[in-house]
Amino acid sequence: MKKSSETVLQGGELYAFRDNRNSCYRFAKVLAAYPEDGVVFIRTYKQRYAETLTNVKFAELCVGSLDDPDGLTIGCAPIAYASIHTDWLKSPDYGISEISEEEVKAVNETIDMMNEA
């Protein structure tokens, strides 16, 4: 898998997904998409909702930590590219967020770890 700043910067979309373990909906931001490799890198947020919402904005979402009573989130995780198109929900109202330098670094570090494995 090649690292490319152009590919990494194509992310930024927000998706809702069903968290079956906790019977709720959560949100994830696409950090980078590599359809040719079948992988998408995401960041999840700690908020949980009983139903999908169309009016959620990036500014309302927070990343949790190990000590956070509201829950832990994932800073950067690779998932199957196909799952985001079949299982996840997108609303045009969610908007697109810029990919931060921290997020680009997290994606590149994750790719490095995957390439070493």
PDB file of N, CA and C in Angstrom:
ATOM      1  N   MET A   1       0.848  -1.167   0.000  1.00  0.00           N
ATOM      2  CA  MET A   1       0.000   0.000   0.000  1.00  0.00           C
ATOM      3  C   MET A   1       0.892   1.229   0.000  1.00  0.00           C
ATOM      4  N   LYS A   2       0.628   2.141  -0.885  1.00  0.00           N
ATOM      5  CA  LYS A   2       1.433   3.354  -0.983  1.00  0.00           C
ATOM      6  C   LYS A   2       0.798   4.475  -0.186  1.00  0.00           C
ATOM      7  N   LYS A   3       1.674   5.270   0.443  1.00  0.00           N
ATOM      8  CA  LYS A   3       1.194   6.456   1.145  1.00  0.00           C
ATOM      9  C   LYS A   3       1.163   7.600   0.140  1.00  0.00           C
ATOM     10  N   SER A   4       0.096   8.344   0.140  1.00  0.00           N
ATOM     11  CA  SER A   4      -0.029   9.476  -0.765  1.00  0.00           C
ATOM     12  C   SER A   4      -0.819  10.565  -0.078  1.00  0.00           C
ATOM     13  N   SER A   5      -0.252  11.769  -0.040  1.00  0.00           N
ATOM     14  CA  SER A   5      -0.970  12.859   0.619  1.00  0.00           C
ATOM     15  C   SER A   5      -2.262  13.170  -0.127  1.00  0.00           C
ATOM     16  N   GLU A   6      -2.279  12.976  -1.454  1.00  0.00           N
ATOM     17  CA  GLU A   6      -3.514  13.214  -2.205  1.00  0.00           C
ATOM     18  C   GLU A   6      -4.592  12.217  -1.791  1.00  0.00           C
ATOM     19  N   THR A   7      -4.227  10.955  -1.624  1.00  0.00           N
ATOM     20  CA  THR A   7      -5.196   9.945  -1.218  1.00  0.00           C
ATOM     21  C   THR A   7      -5.687  10.213   0.193  1.00  0.00           C
ATOM     22  N   VAL A   8      -4.777  10.524   1.113  1.00  0.00           N
ATOM     23  CA  VAL A   8      -5.156  10.783   2.494  1.00  0.00           C
ATOM     24  C   VAL A   8      -6.125  11.953   2.568  1.00  0.00           C
ATOM     25  N   LEU A   9      -5.901  12.960   1.785  1.00  0.00           N
ATOM     26  CA  LEU A   9      -6.730  14.173   1.848  1.00  0.00           C
ATOM     27  C   LEU A   9      -8.082  14.020   1.164  1.00  0.00           C
ATOM     28  N   GLN A  10      -8.380  12.876   0.592  1.00  0.00           N
ATOM     29  CA  GLN A  10      -9.691  12.659  -0.015  1.00  0.00           C
ATOM     30  C   GLN A  10     -10.748  12.306   1.019  1.00  0.00           C
ATOM     31  N   GLY A  11     -10.343  12.093   2.259  1.00  0.00           N
ATOM     32  CA  GLY A  11     -11.289  11.737   3.316  1.00  0.00           C
ATOM     33  C   GLY A  11     -12.069  12.950   3.787  1.00  0.00           C
ATOM     34  N   GLY A  12     -12.592  12.841   4.985  1.00  0.00           N
ATOM     35  CA  GLY A  12     -13.313  13.953   5.591  1.00  0.00           C
ATOM     36  C   GLY A  12     -14.812  13.758   5.701  1.00  0.00           C
ATOM     37  N   GLU A  13     -15.348  12.702   5.104  1.00  0.00           N
ATOM     38  CA  GLU A  13     -16.789  12.484   5.190  1.00  0.00           C
ATOM     39  C   GLU A  13     -17.159  11.834   6.520  1.00  0.00           C
ATOM     40  N   LEU A  14     -18.348  12.143   6.982  1.00  0.00           N
ATOM     41  CA  LEU A  14     -18.866  11.601   8.233  1.00  0.00           C
ATOM     42  C   LEU A  14     -19.938  10.565   7.933  1.00  0.00           C
ATOM     43  N   TYR A  15     -19.853   9.418   8.596  1.00  0.00           N
ATOM     44  CA  TYR A  15     -20.820   8.330   8.418  1.00  0.00           C
ATOM     45  C   TYR A  15     -21.373   7.897   9.770  1.00  0.00           C
ATOM     46  N   ALA A  16     -22.628   7.462   9.760  1.00  0.00           N
ATOM     47  CA  ALA A  16     -23.233   6.837  10.937  1.00  0.00           C
ATOM     48  C   ALA A  16     -23.147   5.329  10.749  1.00  0.00           C
ATOM     49  N   PHE A  17     -22.915   4.622  11.861  1.00  0.00           N
ATOM     50  CA  PHE A  17     -22.901   3.162  11.782  1.00  0.00           C
ATOM     51  C   PHE A  17     -23.580   2.593  13.023  1.00  0.00           C
ATOM     52  N   ARG A  18     -24.135   1.419  12.864  1.00  0.00           N
ATOM     53  CA  ARG A  18     -24.836   0.736  13.952  1.00  0.00           C
ATOM     54  C   ARG A  18     -23.821   0.026  14.842  1.00  0.00           C
ATOM     55  N   ASP A  19     -23.844   0.348  16.125  1.00  0.00           N
ATOM     56  CA  ASP A  19     -23.021  -0.326  17.135  1.00  0.00           C
ATOM     57  C   ASP A  19     -23.933  -1.360  17.789  1.00  0.00           C
ATOM     58  N   ASN A  20     -23.911  -2.571  17.272  1.00  0.00           N
ATOM     59  CA  ASN A  20     -24.820  -3.622  17.756  1.00  0.00           C
ATOM     60  C   ASN A  20     -24.528  -4.032  19.189  1.00  0.00           C
ATOM     61  N   ARG A  21     -23.277  -3.957  19.595  1.00  0.00           N
ATOM     62  CA  ARG A  21     -22.921  -4.338  20.960  1.00  0.00           C
ATOM     63  C   ARG A  21     -23.602  -3.430  21.987  1.00  0.00           C
ATOM     64  N   ASN A  22     -23.729  -2.149  21.667  1.00  0.00           N
ATOM     65  CA  ASN A  22     -24.341  -1.191  22.587  1.00  0.00           C
ATOM     66  C   ASN A  22     -25.736  -0.740  22.144  1.00  0.00           C
ATOM     67  N   SER A  23     -26.271  -1.358  21.095  1.00  0.00           N
ATOM     68  CA  SER A  23     -27.613  -1.031  20.575  1.00  0.00           C
ATOM     69  C   SER A  23     -27.799   0.467  20.356  1.00  0.00           C
ATOM     70  N   CYS A  24     -26.879   1.048  19.595  1.00  0.00           N
ATOM     71  CA  CYS A  24     -26.959   2.478  19.316  1.00  0.00           C
ATOM     72  C   CYS A  24     -26.281   2.779  17.980  1.00  0.00           C
ATOM     73  N   TYR A  25     -26.359   4.042  17.589  1.00  0.00           N
ATOM     74  CA  TYR A  25     -25.649   4.520  16.408  1.00  0.00           C
ATOM     75  C   TYR A  25     -24.493   5.399  16.857  1.00  0.00           C
ATOM     76  N   ARG A  26     -23.379   5.290  16.132  1.00  0.00           N
ATOM     77  CA  ARG A  26     -22.201   6.106  16.397  1.00  0.00           C
ATOM     78  C   ARG A  26     -21.738   6.711  15.083  1.00  0.00           C
ATOM     79  N   PHE A  27     -20.733   7.563  15.166  1.00  0.00           N
ATOM     80  CA  PHE A  27     -20.238   8.233  13.971  1.00  0.00           C
ATOM     81  C   PHE A  27     -18.751   8.008  13.780  1.00  0.00           C
ATOM     82  N   ALA A  28     -18.350   8.001  12.508  1.00  0.00           N
ATOM     83  CA  ALA A  28     -16.945   7.850  12.133  1.00  0.00           C
ATOM     84  C   ALA A  28     -16.628   8.786  10.984  1.00  0.00           C
ATOM     85  N   LYS A  29     -15.410   9.306  11.011  1.00  0.00           N
ATOM     86  CA  LYS A  29     -14.903  10.174   9.943  1.00  0.00           C
ATOM     87  C   LYS A  29     -13.951   9.353   9.083  1.00  0.00           C
ATOM     88  N   VAL A  30     -14.093   9.469   7.778  1.00  0.00           N
ATOM     89  CA  VAL A  30     -13.164   8.824   6.857  1.00  0.00           C
ATOM     90  C   VAL A  30     -11.898   9.673   6.802  1.00  0.00           C
ATOM     91  N   LEU A  31     -10.778   9.060   7.174  1.00  0.00           N
ATOM     92  CA  LEU A  31      -9.498   9.761   7.132  1.00  0.00           C
ATOM     93  C   LEU A  31      -8.803   9.571   5.790  1.00  0.00           C
ATOM     94  N   ALA A  32      -8.936   8.393   5.229  1.00  0.00           N
ATOM     95  CA  ALA A  32      -8.348   8.089   3.925  1.00  0.00           C
ATOM     96  C   ALA A  32      -9.031   6.867   3.348  1.00  0.00           C
ATOM     97  N   ALA A  33      -9.146   6.841   2.031  1.00  0.00           N
ATOM     98  CA  ALA A  33      -9.771   5.702   1.355  1.00  0.00           C
ATOM     99  C   ALA A  33      -8.841   5.191   0.268  1.00  0.00           C
ATOM    100  N   TYR A  34      -8.615   3.892   0.290  1.00  0.00           N
ATOM    101  CA  TYR A  34      -7.791   3.222  -0.711  1.00  0.00           C
ATOM    102  C   TYR A  34      -8.622   2.108  -1.338  1.00  0.00           C
ATOM    103  N   PRO A  35      -9.535   2.452  -2.243  1.00  0.00           N
ATOM    104  CA  PRO A  35     -10.408   1.422  -2.819  1.00  0.00           C
ATOM    105  C   PRO A  35      -9.641   0.320  -3.542  1.00  0.00           C
ATOM    106  N   GLU A  36      -8.510   0.662  -4.151  1.00  0.00           N
ATOM    107  CA  GLU A  36      -7.725  -0.347  -4.874  1.00  0.00           C
ATOM    108  C   GLU A  36      -7.129  -1.396  -3.927  1.00  0.00           C
ATOM    109  N   ASP A  37      -6.956  -1.031  -2.666  1.00  0.00           N
ATOM    110  CA  ASP A  37      -6.447  -1.963  -1.659  1.00  0.00           C
ATOM    111  C   ASP A  37      -7.560  -2.503  -0.766  1.00  0.00           C
ATOM    112  N   GLY A  38      -8.788  -2.019  -0.969  1.00  0.00           N
ATOM    113  CA  GLY A  38      -9.923  -2.498  -0.194  1.00  0.00           C
ATOM    114  C   GLY A  38      -9.946  -2.033   1.249  1.00  0.00           C
ATOM    115  N   VAL A  39      -9.333  -0.877   1.541  1.00  0.00           N
ATOM    116  CA  VAL A  39      -9.268  -0.408   2.925  1.00  0.00           C
ATOM    117  C   VAL A  39      -9.648   1.069   3.031  1.00  0.00           C
ATOM    118  N   VAL A  40     -10.289   1.375   4.156  1.00  0.00           N
ATOM    119  CA  VAL A  40     -10.630   2.749   4.526  1.00  0.00           C
ATOM    120  C   VAL A  40     -10.126   2.957   5.947  1.00  0.00           C
ATOM    121  N   PHE A  41      -9.518   4.108   6.203  1.00  0.00           N
ATOM    122  CA  PHE A  41      -9.062   4.448   7.538  1.00  0.00           C
ATOM    123  C   PHE A  41     -10.071   5.407   8.156  1.00  0.00           C
ATOM    124  N   ILE A  42     -10.493   5.107   9.392  1.00  0.00           N
ATOM    125  CA  ILE A  42     -11.533   5.908  10.047  1.00  0.00           C
ATOM    126  C   ILE A  42     -11.107   6.358  11.434  1.00  0.00           C
ATOM    127  N   ARG A  43     -11.798   7.381  11.929  1.00  0.00           N
ATOM    128  CA  ARG A  43     -11.713   7.832  13.324  1.00  0.00           C
ATOM    129  C   ARG A  43     -13.133   7.776  13.867  1.00  0.00           C
ATOM    130  N   THR A  44     -13.312   7.129  15.013  1.00  0.00           N
ATOM    131  CA  THR A  44     -14.648   7.069  15.608  1.00  0.00           C
ATOM    132  C   THR A  44     -14.784   8.110  16.711  1.00  0.00           C
ATOM    133  N   TYR A  45     -16.025   8.423  17.034  1.00  0.00           N
ATOM    134  CA  TYR A  45     -16.347   9.411  18.067  1.00  0.00           C
ATOM    135  C   TYR A  45     -17.134   8.759  19.187  1.00  0.00           C
ATOM    136  N   LYS A  46     -17.092   9.351  20.376  1.00  0.00           N
ATOM    137  CA  LYS A  46     -17.668   8.709  21.564  1.00  0.00           C
ATOM    138  C   LYS A  46     -19.181   8.847  21.692  1.00  0.00           C
ATOM    139  N   GLN A  47     -19.795   9.810  21.047  1.00  0.00           N
ATOM    140  CA  GLN A  47     -21.232   9.996  21.201  1.00  0.00           C
ATOM    141  C   GLN A  47     -22.006   8.795  20.669  1.00  0.00           C
ATOM    142  N   ARG A  48     -23.089   8.475  21.396  1.00  0.00           N
ATOM    143  CA  ARG A  48     -23.978   7.387  21.000  1.00  0.00           C
ATOM    144  C   ARG A  48     -25.390   7.936  20.903  1.00  0.00           C
ATOM    145  N   TYR A  49     -26.129   7.446  19.889  1.00  0.00           N
ATOM    146  CA  TYR A  49     -27.490   7.931  19.658  1.00  0.00           C
ATOM    147  C   TYR A  49     -28.431   6.741  19.494  1.00  0.00           C
ATOM    148  N   ALA A  50     -29.649   6.901  19.968  1.00  0.00           N
ATOM    149  CA  ALA A  50     -30.645   5.828  19.871  1.00  0.00           C
ATOM    150  C   ALA A  50     -31.082   5.600  18.425  1.00  0.00           C
ATOM    151  N   GLU A  51     -31.010   6.622  17.613  1.00  0.00           N
ATOM    152  CA  GLU A  51     -31.403   6.510  16.206  1.00  0.00           C
ATOM    153  C   GLU A  51     -30.432   7.324  15.360  1.00  0.00           C
ATOM    154  N   THR A  52     -30.482   7.120  14.049  1.00  0.00           N
ATOM    155  CA  THR A  52     -29.607   7.902  13.190  1.00  0.00           C
ATOM    156  C   THR A  52     -30.120   9.330  13.147  1.00  0.00           C
ATOM    157  N   LEU A  53     -29.210  10.245  13.066  1.00  0.00           N
ATOM    158  CA  LEU A  53     -29.559  11.662  13.025  1.00  0.00           C
ATOM    159  C   LEU A  53     -29.024  12.268  11.740  1.00  0.00           C
ATOM    160  N   THR A  54     -29.762  13.196  11.171  1.00  0.00           N
ATOM    161  CA  THR A  54     -29.282  13.853   9.961  1.00  0.00           C
ATOM    162  C   THR A  54     -28.688  15.221  10.261  1.00  0.00           C
ATOM    163  N   ASN A  55     -28.831  15.683  11.489  1.00  0.00           N
ATOM    164  CA  ASN A  55     -28.373  17.032  11.809  1.00  0.00           C
ATOM    165  C   ASN A  55     -27.117  17.069  12.672  1.00  0.00           C
ATOM    166  N   VAL A  56     -26.352  15.989  12.719  1.00  0.00           N
ATOM    167  CA  VAL A  56     -25.118  15.957  13.500  1.00  0.00           C
ATOM    168  C   VAL A  56     -24.031  16.718  12.740  1.00  0.00           C
ATOM    169  N   LYS A  57     -23.281  17.528  13.446  1.00  0.00           N
ATOM    170  CA  LYS A  57     -22.189  18.295  12.856  1.00  0.00           C
ATOM    171  C   LYS A  57     -20.868  17.860  13.477  1.00  0.00           C
ATOM    172  N   PHE A  58     -19.795  17.978  12.728  1.00  0.00           N
ATOM    173  CA  PHE A  58     -18.475  17.589  13.219  1.00  0.00           C
ATOM    174  C   PHE A  58     -18.135  18.265  14.535  1.00  0.00           C
ATOM    175  N   ALA A  59     -18.483  19.535  14.663  1.00  0.00           N
ATOM    176  CA  ALA A  59     -18.121  20.298  15.870  1.00  0.00           C
ATOM    177  C   ALA A  59     -18.759  19.722  17.136  1.00  0.00           C
ATOM    178  N   GLU A  60     -19.830  18.954  16.995  1.00  0.00           N
ATOM    179  CA  GLU A  60     -20.524  18.374  18.145  1.00  0.00           C
ATOM    180  C   GLU A  60     -19.907  17.051  18.601  1.00  0.00           C
ATOM    181  N   LEU A  61     -19.012  16.490  17.808  1.00  0.00           N
ATOM    182  CA  LEU A  61     -18.459  15.174  18.096  1.00  0.00           C
ATOM    183  C   LEU A  61     -17.115  15.279  18.797  1.00  0.00           C
ATOM    184  N   CYS A  62     -16.881  14.367  19.738  1.00  0.00           N
ATOM    185  CA  CYS A  62     -15.645  14.362  20.531  1.00  0.00           C
ATOM    186  C   CYS A  62     -14.997  12.983  20.496  1.00  0.00           C
ATOM    187  N   VAL A  63     -13.682  12.993  20.634  1.00  0.00           N
ATOM    188  CA  VAL A  63     -12.924  11.753  20.735  1.00  0.00           C
ATOM    189  C   VAL A  63     -12.786  11.417  22.211  1.00  0.00           C
ATOM    190  N   GLY A  64     -13.063  10.168  22.585  1.00  0.00           N
ATOM    191  CA  GLY A  64     -12.953   9.729  23.972  1.00  0.00           C
ATOM    192  C   GLY A  64     -11.581   9.157  24.268  1.00  0.00           C
ATOM    193  N   SER A  65     -11.322   8.920  25.550  1.00  0.00           N
ATOM    194  CA  SER A  65     -10.041   8.364  25.974  1.00  0.00           C
ATOM    195  C   SER A  65     -10.289   7.170  26.895  1.00  0.00           C
ATOM    196  N   LEU A  66      -9.215   6.516  27.311  1.00  0.00           N
ATOM    197  CA  LEU A  66      -9.340   5.368  28.221  1.00  0.00           C
ATOM    198  C   LEU A  66     -10.023   5.748  29.530  1.00  0.00           C
ATOM    199  N   ASP A  67      -9.774   6.956  30.015  1.00  0.00           N
ATOM    200  CA  ASP A  67     -10.337   7.409  31.287  1.00  0.00           C
ATOM    201  C   ASP A  67     -11.704   8.067  31.144  1.00  0.00           C
ATOM    202  N   ASP A  68     -12.204   8.172  29.926  1.00  0.00           N
ATOM    203  CA  ASP A  68     -13.464   8.865  29.674  1.00  0.00           C
ATOM    204  C   ASP A  68     -14.643   7.970  30.055  1.00  0.00           C
ATOM    205  N   PRO A  69     -15.520   8.423  30.958  1.00  0.00           N
ATOM    206  CA  PRO A  69     -16.673   7.594  31.336  1.00  0.00           C
ATOM    207  C   PRO A  69     -17.659   7.387  30.187  1.00  0.00           C
ATOM    208  N   ASP A  70     -17.620   8.261  29.171  1.00  0.00           N
ATOM    209  CA  ASP A  70     -18.510   8.125  28.023  1.00  0.00           C
ATOM    210  C   ASP A  70     -18.000   7.128  26.993  1.00  0.00           C
ATOM    211  N   GLY A  71     -16.768   6.681  27.163  1.00  0.00           N
ATOM    212  CA  GLY A  71     -16.271   5.665  26.263  1.00  0.00           C
ATOM    213  C   GLY A  71     -15.005   6.010  25.519  1.00  0.00           C
ATOM    214  N   LEU A  72     -14.374   4.973  25.060  1.00  0.00           N
ATOM    215  CA  LEU A  72     -13.148   5.049  24.291  1.00  0.00           C
ATOM    216  C   LEU A  72     -13.495   5.124  22.813  1.00  0.00           C
ATOM    217  N   THR A  73     -12.701   5.843  22.055  1.00  0.00           N
ATOM    218  CA  THR A  73     -12.882   5.894  20.608  1.00  0.00           C
ATOM    219  C   THR A  73     -11.600   5.454  19.928  1.00  0.00           C
ATOM    220  N   ILE A  74     -11.673   5.266  18.634  1.00  0.00           N
ATOM    221  CA  ILE A  74     -10.518   4.842  17.858  1.00  0.00           C
ATOM    222  C   ILE A  74     -10.010   6.037  17.069  1.00  0.00           C
ATOM    223  N   GLY A  75      -8.722   6.340  17.228  1.00  0.00           N
ATOM    224  CA  GLY A  75      -8.126   7.480  16.535  1.00  0.00           C
ATOM    225  C   GLY A  75      -7.895   7.223  15.066  1.00  0.00           C
ATOM    226  N   CYS A  76      -7.487   6.006  14.722  1.00  0.00           N
ATOM    227  CA  CYS A  76      -7.266   5.632  13.329  1.00  0.00           C
ATOM    228  C   CYS A  76      -7.317   4.119  13.220  1.00  0.00           C
ATOM    229  N   ALA A  77      -8.274   3.618  12.461  1.00  0.00           N
ATOM    230  CA  ALA A  77      -8.418   2.171  12.296  1.00  0.00           C
ATOM    231  C   ALA A  77      -8.713   1.833  10.845  1.00  0.00           C
ATOM    232  N   PRO A  78      -8.065   0.797  10.318  1.00  0.00           N
ATOM    233  CA  PRO A  78      -8.394   0.335   8.968  1.00  0.00           C
ATOM    234  C   PRO A  78      -9.610  -0.589   9.011  1.00  0.00           C
ATOM    235  N   ILE A  79     -10.526  -0.396   8.086  1.00  0.00           N
ATOM    236  CA  ILE A  79     -11.680  -1.289   7.952  1.00  0.00           C
ATOM    237  C   ILE A  79     -11.843  -1.642   6.477  1.00  0.00           C
ATOM    238  N   ALA A  80     -12.654  -2.630   6.203  1.00  0.00           N
ATOM    239  CA  ALA A  80     -12.887  -3.056   4.825  1.00  0.00           C
ATOM    240  C   ALA A  80     -13.610  -1.963   4.047  1.00  0.00           C
ATOM    241  N   TYR A  81     -13.090  -1.646   2.881  1.00  0.00           N
ATOM    242  CA  TYR A  81     -13.669  -0.600   2.026  1.00  0.00           C
ATOM    243  C   TYR A  81     -15.139  -0.893   1.714  1.00  0.00           C
ATOM    244  N   ALA A  82     -15.459  -2.140   1.454  1.00  0.00           N
ATOM    245  CA  ALA A  82     -16.826  -2.502   1.073  1.00  0.00           C
ATOM    246  C   ALA A  82     -17.822  -2.244   2.194  1.00  0.00           C
ATOM    247  N   SER A  83     -17.395  -2.358   3.447  1.00  0.00           N
ATOM    248  CA  SER A  83     -18.338  -2.202   4.559  1.00  0.00           C
ATOM    249  C   SER A  83     -18.873  -0.790   4.678  1.00  0.00           C
ATOM    250  N   ILE A  84     -18.083   0.196   4.319  1.00  0.00           N
ATOM    251  CA  ILE A  84     -18.545   1.569   4.461  1.00  0.00           C
ATOM    252  C   ILE A  84     -19.624   1.890   3.428  1.00  0.00           C
ATOM    253  N   HIS A  85     -19.630   1.162   2.333  1.00  0.00           N
ATOM    254  CA  HIS A  85     -20.646   1.399   1.309  1.00  0.00           C
ATOM    255  C   HIS A  85     -21.901   0.569   1.515  1.00  0.00           C
ATOM    256  N   THR A  86     -21.812  -0.507   2.266  1.00  0.00           N
ATOM    257  CA  THR A  86     -22.968  -1.375   2.427  1.00  0.00           C
ATOM    258  C   THR A  86     -23.638  -1.239   3.788  1.00  0.00           C
ATOM    259  N   ASP A  87     -22.850  -1.053   4.836  1.00  0.00           N
ATOM    260  CA  ASP A  87     -23.396  -1.060   6.188  1.00  0.00           C
ATOM    261  C   ASP A  87     -23.522   0.320   6.822  1.00  0.00           C
ATOM    262  N   TRP A  88     -22.889   1.302   6.264  1.00  0.00           N
ATOM    263  CA  TRP A  88     -22.828   2.615   6.904  1.00  0.00           C
ATOM    264  C   TRP A  88     -23.761   3.591   6.227  1.00  0.00           C
ATOM    265  N   LEU A  89     -24.203   4.584   6.981  1.00  0.00           N
ATOM    266  CA  LEU A  89     -25.169   5.559   6.483  1.00  0.00           C
ATOM    267  C   LEU A  89     -24.514   6.928   6.356  1.00  0.00           C
ATOM    268  N   LYS A  90     -24.836   7.620   5.281  1.00  0.00           N
ATOM    269  CA  LYS A  90     -24.294   8.957   5.064  1.00  0.00           C
ATOM    270  C   LYS A  90     -25.433   9.910   4.768  1.00  0.00           C
ATOM    271  N   SER A  91     -25.361  11.093   5.333  1.00  0.00           N
ATOM    272  CA  SER A  91     -26.318  12.141   5.048  1.00  0.00           C
ATOM    273  C   SER A  91     -25.561  13.341   4.496  1.00  0.00           C
ATOM    274  N   PRO A  92     -26.077  13.984   3.454  1.00  0.00           N
ATOM    275  CA  PRO A  92     -25.402  15.176   2.943  1.00  0.00           C
ATOM    276  C   PRO A  92     -25.335  16.287   3.994  1.00  0.00           C
ATOM    277  N   ASP A  93     -26.199  16.218   4.998  1.00  0.00           N
ATOM    278  CA  ASP A  93     -26.216  17.231   6.046  1.00  0.00           C
ATOM    279  C   ASP A  93     -25.025  17.122   6.993  1.00  0.00           C
ATOM    280  N   TYR A  94     -24.342  15.973   7.000  1.00  0.00           N
ATOM    281  CA  TYR A  94     -23.210  15.802   7.904  1.00  0.00           C
ATOM    282  C   TYR A  94     -22.046  16.716   7.527  1.00  0.00           C
ATOM    283  N   GLY A  95     -21.860  16.945   6.256  1.00  0.00           N
ATOM    284  CA  GLY A  95     -20.769  17.794   5.801  1.00  0.00           C
ATOM    285  C   GLY A  95     -19.459  17.039   5.676  1.00  0.00           C
ATOM    286  N   ILE A  96     -18.420  17.793   5.348  1.00  0.00           N
ATOM    287  CA  ILE A  96     -17.080  17.245   5.186  1.00  0.00           C
ATOM    288  C   ILE A  96     -16.141  18.071   6.048  1.00  0.00           C
ATOM    289  N   SER A  97     -15.219  17.391   6.713  1.00  0.00           N
ATOM    290  CA  SER A  97     -14.255  18.042   7.585  1.00  0.00           C
ATOM    291  C   SER A  97     -12.860  17.913   6.988  1.00  0.00           C
ATOM    292  N   GLU A  98     -12.059  18.931   7.165  1.00  0.00           N
ATOM    293  CA  GLU A  98     -10.670  18.882   6.710  1.00  0.00           C
ATOM    294  C   GLU A  98      -9.924  17.804   7.491  1.00  0.00           C
ATOM    295  N   ILE A  99      -8.980  17.163   6.830  1.00  0.00           N
ATOM    296  CA  ILE A  99      -8.135  16.168   7.487  1.00  0.00           C
ATOM    297  C   ILE A  99      -6.967  16.919   8.129  1.00  0.00           C
ATOM    298  N   SER A 100      -6.821  16.770   9.436  1.00  0.00           N
ATOM    299  CA  SER A 100      -5.763  17.481  10.153  1.00  0.00           C
ATOM    300  C   SER A 100      -4.405  16.807   9.936  1.00  0.00           C
ATOM    301  N   GLU A 101      -3.336  17.528  10.242  1.00  0.00           N
ATOM    302  CA  GLU A 101      -1.993  16.948  10.152  1.00  0.00           C
ATOM    303  C   GLU A 101      -1.858  15.755  11.087  1.00  0.00           C
ATOM    304  N   GLU A 102      -2.475  15.831  12.255  1.00  0.00           N
ATOM    305  CA  GLU A 102      -2.461  14.722  13.211  1.00  0.00           C
ATOM    306  C   GLU A 102      -3.117  13.478  12.607  1.00  0.00           C
ATOM    307  N   GLU A 103      -4.225  13.666  11.893  1.00  0.00           N
ATOM    308  CA  GLU A 103      -4.933  12.537  11.275  1.00  0.00           C
ATOM    309  C   GLU A 103      -4.118  11.947  10.128  1.00  0.00           C
ATOM    310  N   VAL A 104      -3.470  12.799   9.327  1.00  0.00           N
ATOM    311  CA  VAL A 104      -2.602  12.312   8.245  1.00  0.00           C
ATOM    312  C   VAL A 104      -1.469  11.481   8.835  1.00  0.00           C
ATOM    313  N   LYS A 105      -0.866  11.973   9.911  1.00  0.00           N
ATOM    314  CA  LYS A 105       0.219  11.251  10.573  1.00  0.00           C
ATOM    315  C   LYS A 105      -0.273   9.904  11.098  1.00  0.00           C
ATOM    316  N   ALA A 106      -1.455   9.869  11.695  1.00  0.00           N
ATOM    317  CA  ALA A 106      -2.011   8.622  12.226  1.00  0.00           C
ATOM    318  C   ALA A 106      -2.232   7.602  11.109  1.00  0.00           C
ATOM    319  N   VAL A 107      -2.740   8.049   9.969  1.00  0.00           N
ATOM    320  CA  VAL A 107      -2.952   7.144   8.832  1.00  0.00           C
ATOM    321  C   VAL A 107      -1.614   6.600   8.351  1.00  0.00           C
ATOM    322  N   ASN A 108      -0.631   7.477   8.178  1.00  0.00           N
ATOM    323  CA  ASN A 108       0.671   7.037   7.685  1.00  0.00           C
ATOM    324  C   ASN A 108       1.348   6.070   8.657  1.00  0.00           C
ATOM    325  N   GLU A 109       1.232   6.308   9.959  1.00  0.00           N
ATOM    326  CA  GLU A 109       1.802   5.395  10.953  1.00  0.00           C
ATOM    327  C   GLU A 109       1.097   4.039  10.917  1.00  0.00           C
ATOM    328  N   THR A 110      -0.217   4.047  10.729  1.00  0.00           N
ATOM    329  CA  THR A 110      -0.972   2.794  10.648  1.00  0.00           C
ATOM    330  C   THR A 110      -0.576   2.015   9.401  1.00  0.00           C
ATOM    331  N   ILE A 111      -0.395   2.706   8.281  1.00  0.00           N
ATOM    332  CA  ILE A 111       0.053   2.046   7.042  1.00  0.00           C
ATOM    333  C   ILE A 111       1.433   1.432   7.254  1.00  0.00           C
ATOM    334  N   ASP A 112       2.324   2.182   7.911  1.00  0.00           N
ATOM    335  CA  ASP A 112       3.657   1.639   8.196  1.00  0.00           C
ATOM    336  C   ASP A 112       3.564   0.349   9.008  1.00  0.00           C
ATOM    337  N   MET A 113       2.718   0.345  10.047  1.00  0.00           N
ATOM    338  CA  MET A 113       2.553  -0.857  10.868  1.00  0.00           C
ATOM    339  C   MET A 113       1.991  -2.013  10.063  1.00  0.00           C
ATOM    340  N   MET A 114       1.023  -1.723   9.186  1.00  0.00           N
ATOM    341  CA  MET A 114       0.435  -2.770   8.351  1.00  0.00           C
ATOM    342  C   MET A 114       1.472  -3.346   7.382  1.00  0.00           C
ATOM    343  N   ASN A 115       2.326  -2.485   6.837  1.00  0.00           N
ATOM    344  CA  ASN A 115       3.347  -2.936   5.888  1.00  0.00           C
ATOM    345  C   ASN A 115       4.434  -3.760   6.572  1.00  0.00           C
ATOM    346  N   GLU A 116       4.661  -3.508   7.863  1.00  0.00           N
ATOM    347  CA  GLU A 116       5.668  -4.263   8.617  1.00  0.00           C
ATOM    348  C   GLU A 116       5.156  -5.647   9.029  1.00  0.00           C
ATOM    349  N   ALA A 117       3.849  -5.799   9.115  1.00  0.00           N
ATOM    350  CA  ALA A 117       3.265  -7.061   9.604  1.00  0.00           C
ATOM    351  C   ALA A 117       3.390  -8.169   8.572  1.00  0.00           C
TER     352      ALA A 117
END
